[in-house]
Amino acid sequence: MAEGERQAPPDSSEETPPATQSFIIPKKEIHTVPDMGKWKRSQAYADYIGFILTLNEGVKGKKLTFEYKVSEAIEKLVALLNTLDRWIDETPPMDQPSRFGNKAFRTWYARLDQEAENLVATVVPTHLAAAVPEVAVYLKESVGNSTRIDYGTGHEAAFAAFLCCLCKIGVLRVDDQIAIVFKVFNRYLEVMRKLQKTYRMEPAGSQGVWGLDDFQFLPFIWGSSQLIDHPYLEPRHFVDEKAVNENHKDYMFLECILFITECLEKFPVIQHFKFGSLLPIRPVSLC
């Protein structure tokens, strides 16, 4: 890989936790800027970055229309996201004087907060049921903040952590890599964009100089990997309306550009990240 010092996580079949593993409810551990050192030294950081890079390699040079295996677990995750999408339709925005931050989002979120463990249980097999409360926290953290009615890259990071945890307990496997990005994450993006537009959500901790999109970050990483060695698409085409319109259905990066026509080392993002037994705050073991 490009970052030779970081190894990809092992085959998820080797990561399946023993039945006796104790799971815990993730909690915040990064409270001040100096705490960022703990994050960068943590097992969670190593596993998360390894997960991102592994998926990055998996989608390298491939279109969204590339044929790939779709496992039962992938189908169940898409069904979960379809449920969240349906709930948006069932929770229309309220009439209110404020243009942004429609309060109906709080009703939508309360439903997820109540049902998150049940939703995750539809994906996780019964012999891993003990992991459900821990994994469900990352799902709830991935859709925005119900108090501020905002959404940002920290919430997106929580969804990637949710998927990473499913890999660590063996629900998702190595041969799911392409489908994780192209089918599950892409569907997640669709649902999040619908949330943002329906409830006029504010960008959380917006710092426009960090990226092209106030809301998303990972699609630009994985989307750029898709474009490696492309025969004709170049950076100059990202502002070419014709090129974007003709290629956005094949490339995640261009889909992001159409929607909006490096965040993991930023305290405002990571201060909200939660740590548990699957993504622990403890330092990486060097032995």
Protein backbone atom coordinates (compact mmCIF):
# COMPACT_ATOMS: atom_id res chain seq x y z
CA MET A 1 0.00 0.00 0.00
CA ALA A 2 1.01 3.63 -0.37
CA GLU A 3 1.41 3.99 3.39
CA GLY A 4 3.75 1.09 3.96
CA GLU A 5 3.99 1.68 7.66
CA ARG A 6 0.33 0.77 8.14
CA GLN A 7 -0.82 -2.75 7.54
CA ALA A 8 -4.31 -3.65 6.40
CA PRO A 9 -6.42 -5.38 9.04
CA PRO A 10 -6.29 -9.18 8.88
CA ASP A 11 -8.93 -11.32 7.21
CA SER A 12 -12.18 -10.61 9.06
CA SER A 13 -12.68 -14.34 9.50
CA GLU A 14 -9.66 -14.20 11.79
CA GLU A 15 -11.15 -11.20 13.61
CA THR A 16 -14.32 -12.98 14.74
CA PRO A 17 -14.36 -12.48 18.51
CA PRO A 18 -14.71 -15.43 20.86
CA ALA A 19 -18.13 -16.01 22.36
CA THR A 20 -16.72 -14.96 25.73
CA GLN A 21 -15.57 -11.49 24.60
CA SER A 22 -16.96 -8.68 26.70
CA PHE A 23 -18.45 -5.87 24.65
CA ILE A 24 -18.90 -2.37 26.06
CA ILE A 25 -20.88 0.74 25.19
CA PRO A 26 -18.52 3.12 23.33
CA LYS A 27 -17.82 6.47 24.93
CA LYS A 28 -15.94 9.67 24.16
CA GLU A 29 -12.27 9.72 25.13
CA ILE A 30 -10.98 12.78 23.24
CA HIS A 31 -11.88 15.84 25.30
CA THR A 32 -9.08 18.33 24.57
CA VAL A 33 -6.70 19.04 21.70
CA PRO A 34 -3.76 17.38 23.54
CA ASP A 35 -5.85 14.18 23.67
CA MET A 36 -5.38 13.86 19.91
CA GLY A 37 -2.12 12.08 20.63
CA LYS A 38 -4.11 9.30 22.33
CA TRP A 39 -6.28 8.99 19.22
CA LYS A 40 -3.32 8.69 16.82
CA ARG A 41 -1.64 6.08 19.02
CA SER A 42 -4.82 4.09 19.62
CA GLN A 43 -5.75 0.67 18.33
CA ALA A 44 -8.96 2.27 17.05
CA TYR A 45 -7.00 4.67 14.83
CA ALA A 46 -4.82 1.88 13.43
CA ASP A 47 -7.82 -0.34 12.72
CA TYR A 48 -9.87 2.51 11.24
CA ILE A 49 -7.11 3.72 8.92
CA GLY A 50 -6.31 0.14 7.92
CA PHE A 51 -9.98 -0.39 7.09
CA ILE A 52 -10.16 2.77 4.96
CA LEU A 53 -6.97 1.91 3.07
CA THR A 54 -8.03 -1.69 2.48
CA LEU A 55 -11.31 -0.53 0.92
CA ASN A 56 -9.40 2.12 -1.03
CA GLU A 57 -7.26 -0.59 -2.60
CA GLY A 58 -10.34 -2.74 -3.27
CA VAL A 59 -12.09 -0.12 -5.43
CA LYS A 60 -8.97 1.08 -7.22
CA GLY A 61 -9.67 1.65 -10.91
CA LYS A 62 -13.23 0.27 -10.73
CA LYS A 63 -16.50 1.92 -11.79
CA LEU A 64 -19.59 1.89 -9.59
CA THR A 65 -21.13 -0.31 -12.28
CA PHE A 66 -18.36 -2.92 -11.84
CA GLU A 67 -19.81 -6.39 -11.15
CA TYR A 68 -19.07 -7.62 -7.64
CA LYS A 69 -20.30 -10.18 -5.14
CA VAL A 70 -23.23 -9.16 -2.94
CA SER A 71 -23.43 -11.24 0.22
CA GLU A 72 -26.42 -11.70 2.50
CA ALA A 73 -24.86 -9.34 5.04
CA ILE A 74 -24.52 -6.63 2.38
CA GLU A 75 -28.16 -7.07 1.38
CA LYS A 76 -29.23 -6.78 5.02
CA LEU A 77 -27.25 -3.55 5.44
CA VAL A 78 -28.88 -2.07 2.34
CA ALA A 79 -32.28 -3.09 3.73
CA LEU A 80 -31.40 -1.30 7.00
CA LEU A 81 -30.56 1.87 5.06
CA ASN A 82 -33.75 1.53 3.04
CA THR A 83 -35.64 1.52 6.33
CA LEU A 84 -33.98 4.79 7.35
CA ASP A 85 -34.90 6.22 3.96
CA ARG A 86 -38.54 5.15 4.37
CA TRP A 87 -38.69 6.80 7.80
CA ILE A 88 -37.75 10.12 6.17
CA ASP A 89 -40.81 9.81 3.92
CA GLU A 90 -42.91 9.01 6.98
CA THR A 91 -41.59 12.07 8.87
CA PRO A 92 -42.17 15.14 6.68
CA PRO A 93 -40.53 18.46 7.59
CA MET A 94 -42.45 20.80 9.88
CA ASP A 95 -43.66 24.27 9.05
CA GLN A 96 -41.39 26.57 11.04
CA PRO A 97 -40.00 30.10 10.77
CA SER A 98 -36.36 29.01 10.77
CA ARG A 99 -35.04 28.13 7.31
CA PHE A 100 -32.41 25.65 8.51
CA GLY A 101 -32.52 22.81 11.03
CA ASN A 102 -36.05 21.49 10.61
CA LYS A 103 -37.17 20.10 13.97
CA ALA A 104 -38.87 17.10 12.36
CA PHE A 105 -35.37 15.61 12.22
CA ARG A 106 -35.56 15.13 15.99
CA THR A 107 -38.66 12.98 15.54
CA TRP A 108 -36.89 10.95 12.86
CA TYR A 109 -33.80 10.58 15.03
CA ALA A 110 -35.82 9.55 18.10
CA ARG A 111 -37.19 6.66 16.06
CA LEU A 112 -33.66 5.56 15.15
CA ASP A 113 -32.48 5.98 18.73
CA GLN A 114 -35.26 3.64 19.86
CA GLU A 115 -34.89 1.10 17.05
CA ALA A 116 -31.12 1.09 16.39
CA GLU A 117 -30.38 -2.13 18.26
CA ASN A 118 -33.27 -3.90 16.56
CA LEU A 119 -32.01 -2.74 13.18
CA VAL A 120 -28.46 -3.91 13.88
CA ALA A 121 -29.80 -7.23 15.15
CA THR A 122 -31.20 -7.88 11.66
CA VAL A 123 -27.62 -7.80 10.33
CA VAL A 124 -25.70 -9.49 13.16
CA PRO A 125 -26.22 -13.27 13.63
CA THR A 126 -27.67 -14.43 16.92
CA HIS A 127 -24.40 -15.95 18.19
CA LEU A 128 -22.94 -12.42 18.09
CA ALA A 129 -25.96 -10.76 19.69
CA ALA A 130 -23.84 -9.50 22.59
CA ALA A 131 -22.05 -7.15 20.17
CA VAL A 132 -25.25 -5.43 19.03
CA PRO A 133 -25.45 -2.66 21.69
CA GLU A 134 -21.82 -1.65 21.05
CA VAL A 135 -22.11 -1.66 17.27
CA ALA A 136 -25.49 0.13 17.33
CA VAL A 137 -23.90 3.19 18.97
CA TYR A 138 -21.90 3.87 15.80
CA LEU A 139 -25.04 3.62 13.67
CA LYS A 140 -26.81 6.18 15.87
CA GLU A 141 -23.76 8.47 15.72
CA SER A 142 -23.63 8.29 11.91
CA VAL A 143 -26.73 10.27 10.93
CA GLY A 144 -26.23 13.68 12.51
CA ASN A 145 -26.83 15.45 15.80
CA SER A 146 -30.45 15.74 16.93
CA THR A 147 -29.81 18.70 19.22
CA ARG A 148 -28.02 20.90 16.70
CA ILE A 149 -29.71 19.31 13.67
CA ASP A 150 -26.43 19.17 11.83
CA TYR A 151 -24.35 16.59 10.00
CA GLY A 152 -20.67 16.44 9.12
CA THR A 153 -17.60 14.34 8.48
CA GLY A 154 -17.50 13.11 12.07
CA HIS A 155 -20.88 11.46 11.53
CA GLU A 156 -19.62 9.94 8.29
CA ALA A 157 -16.61 8.62 10.24
CA ALA A 158 -19.01 6.95 12.67
CA PHE A 159 -20.66 5.08 9.80
CA ALA A 160 -17.27 3.87 8.59
CA ALA A 161 -16.57 2.79 12.18
CA PHE A 162 -19.91 0.94 12.18
CA LEU A 163 -18.83 -0.97 9.06
CA CYS A 164 -15.35 -1.55 10.49
CA CYS A 165 -16.88 -3.09 13.63
CA LEU A 166 -19.01 -5.40 11.49
CA CYS A 167 -15.79 -6.54 9.80
CA LYS A 168 -14.07 -7.06 13.14
CA ILE A 169 -16.80 -9.37 14.44
CA GLY A 170 -16.89 -11.28 11.14
CA VAL A 171 -20.27 -10.15 9.79
CA LEU A 172 -18.53 -8.56 6.79
CA ARG A 173 -15.69 -10.43 5.08
CA VAL A 174 -12.73 -9.67 2.85
CA ASP A 175 -14.69 -10.50 -0.30
CA ASP A 176 -17.30 -7.89 0.69
CA GLN A 177 -14.81 -5.04 0.22
CA ILE A 178 -16.10 -3.68 -3.09
CA ALA A 179 -19.76 -4.05 -2.08
CA ILE A 180 -19.08 -2.23 1.22
CA VAL A 181 -18.08 0.89 -0.74
CA PHE A 182 -20.15 0.65 -3.91
CA LYS A 183 -23.39 -0.73 -2.48
CA VAL A 184 -23.56 0.00 1.26
CA PHE A 185 -21.60 3.24 1.59
CA ASN A 186 -23.05 4.62 -1.63
CA ARG A 187 -26.57 3.90 -0.34
CA TYR A 188 -25.63 5.56 2.96
CA LEU A 189 -24.59 8.68 1.02
CA GLU A 190 -27.95 8.75 -0.75
CA VAL A 191 -29.83 8.54 2.54
CA MET A 192 -27.65 11.20 4.20
CA ARG A 193 -28.14 13.58 1.28
CA LYS A 194 -31.88 13.05 1.54
CA LEU A 195 -31.71 13.82 5.29
CA GLN A 196 -29.66 16.96 4.61
CA LYS A 197 -32.09 18.26 2.00
CA THR A 198 -35.32 17.22 3.73
CA TYR A 199 -34.46 18.66 7.15
CA ARG A 200 -32.15 21.45 5.91
CA MET A 201 -29.37 20.22 8.16
CA GLU A 202 -26.45 22.53 8.92
CA PRO A 203 -22.89 21.31 8.20
CA ALA A 204 -21.31 20.31 11.51
CA GLY A 205 -18.12 22.18 12.36
CA SER A 206 -17.88 23.49 8.80
CA GLN A 207 -14.36 24.43 7.74
CA GLY A 208 -14.54 24.72 3.97
CA VAL A 209 -10.77 24.78 3.50
CA TRP A 210 -10.56 21.14 4.65
CA GLY A 211 -12.35 19.72 1.65
CA LEU A 212 -14.73 20.28 -1.23
CA ASP A 213 -17.83 19.18 0.69
CA ASP A 214 -18.92 20.38 4.13
CA PHE A 215 -20.75 17.11 4.74
CA GLN A 216 -18.65 14.27 3.30
CA PHE A 217 -15.00 13.26 3.10
CA LEU A 218 -14.60 9.53 2.42
CA PRO A 219 -16.23 9.60 -1.05
CA PHE A 220 -13.34 11.78 -2.19
CA ILE A 221 -10.79 9.26 -0.92
CA TRP A 222 -12.47 6.18 -2.37
CA GLY A 223 -13.69 8.11 -5.40
CA SER A 224 -10.18 9.24 -6.28
CA SER A 225 -8.99 5.63 -6.02
CA GLN A 226 -11.63 4.68 -8.59
CA LEU A 227 -10.12 7.21 -10.99
CA ILE A 228 -6.53 5.94 -10.78
CA ASP A 229 -5.16 5.19 -14.27
CA HIS A 230 -8.36 6.43 -15.93
CA PRO A 231 -7.68 6.78 -19.68
CA TYR A 232 -9.02 10.32 -20.03
CA LEU A 233 -10.60 11.79 -16.85
CA GLU A 234 -8.24 14.27 -15.21
CA PRO A 235 -8.60 16.81 -12.36
CA ARG A 236 -9.45 19.54 -14.88
CA HIS A 237 -12.62 17.60 -15.71
CA PHE A 238 -13.97 17.99 -12.16
CA VAL A 239 -15.18 21.48 -13.06
CA ASP A 240 -16.35 20.46 -16.53
CA GLU A 241 -20.14 20.21 -16.32
CA LYS A 242 -20.35 17.93 -19.37
CA ALA A 243 -17.72 15.49 -18.01
CA VAL A 244 -19.40 15.39 -14.59
CA ASN A 245 -22.86 14.79 -16.01
CA GLU A 246 -21.62 12.01 -18.29
CA ASN A 247 -19.60 10.13 -15.65
CA HIS A 248 -21.13 10.72 -12.21
CA LYS A 249 -23.02 7.42 -12.19
CA ASP A 250 -19.74 5.53 -12.55
CA TYR A 251 -17.53 7.48 -10.14
CA MET A 252 -18.25 8.42 -6.53
CA PHE A 253 -15.97 11.46 -6.71
CA LEU A 254 -17.95 12.97 -9.60
CA GLU A 255 -21.24 12.18 -7.87
CA CYS A 256 -19.99 14.30 -4.97
CA ILE A 257 -19.02 17.10 -7.34
CA LEU A 258 -22.47 16.96 -8.87
CA PHE A 259 -24.11 17.15 -5.44
CA ILE A 260 -22.11 20.16 -4.24
CA THR A 261 -21.80 21.96 -8.01
CA GLU A 262 -8.25 15.74 5.48
CA CYS A 263 -10.40 15.41 8.39
CA LEU A 264 -9.19 12.49 10.61
CA GLU A 265 -6.58 14.67 12.30
CA LYS A 266 -8.95 17.50 13.19
CA PHE A 267 -10.05 17.85 16.82
CA PRO A 268 -13.56 19.19 15.98
CA VAL A 269 -14.22 15.91 14.16
CA ILE A 270 -12.55 13.37 16.46
CA GLN A 271 -13.77 14.90 19.74
CA HIS A 272 -17.11 13.19 19.06
CA PHE A 273 -15.68 9.75 18.14
CA LYS A 274 -16.61 7.01 20.60
CA PHE A 275 -14.40 4.12 21.69
CA GLY A 276 -15.37 0.63 22.82
CA SER A 277 -14.00 -2.91 22.83
CA LEU A 278 -13.99 -3.18 19.02
CA LEU A 279 -12.37 0.21 18.39
CA PRO A 280 -10.46 0.79 21.65
CA ILE A 281 -8.58 3.87 22.81
CA ARG A 282 -5.67 1.76 24.13
CA PRO A 283 -2.36 2.31 22.30
CA VAL A 284 -1.38 0.01 19.45
CA SER A 285 0.67 -2.97 20.62
CA LEU A 286 4.09 -2.90 18.98
CA CYS A 287 4.89 -6.53 19.72
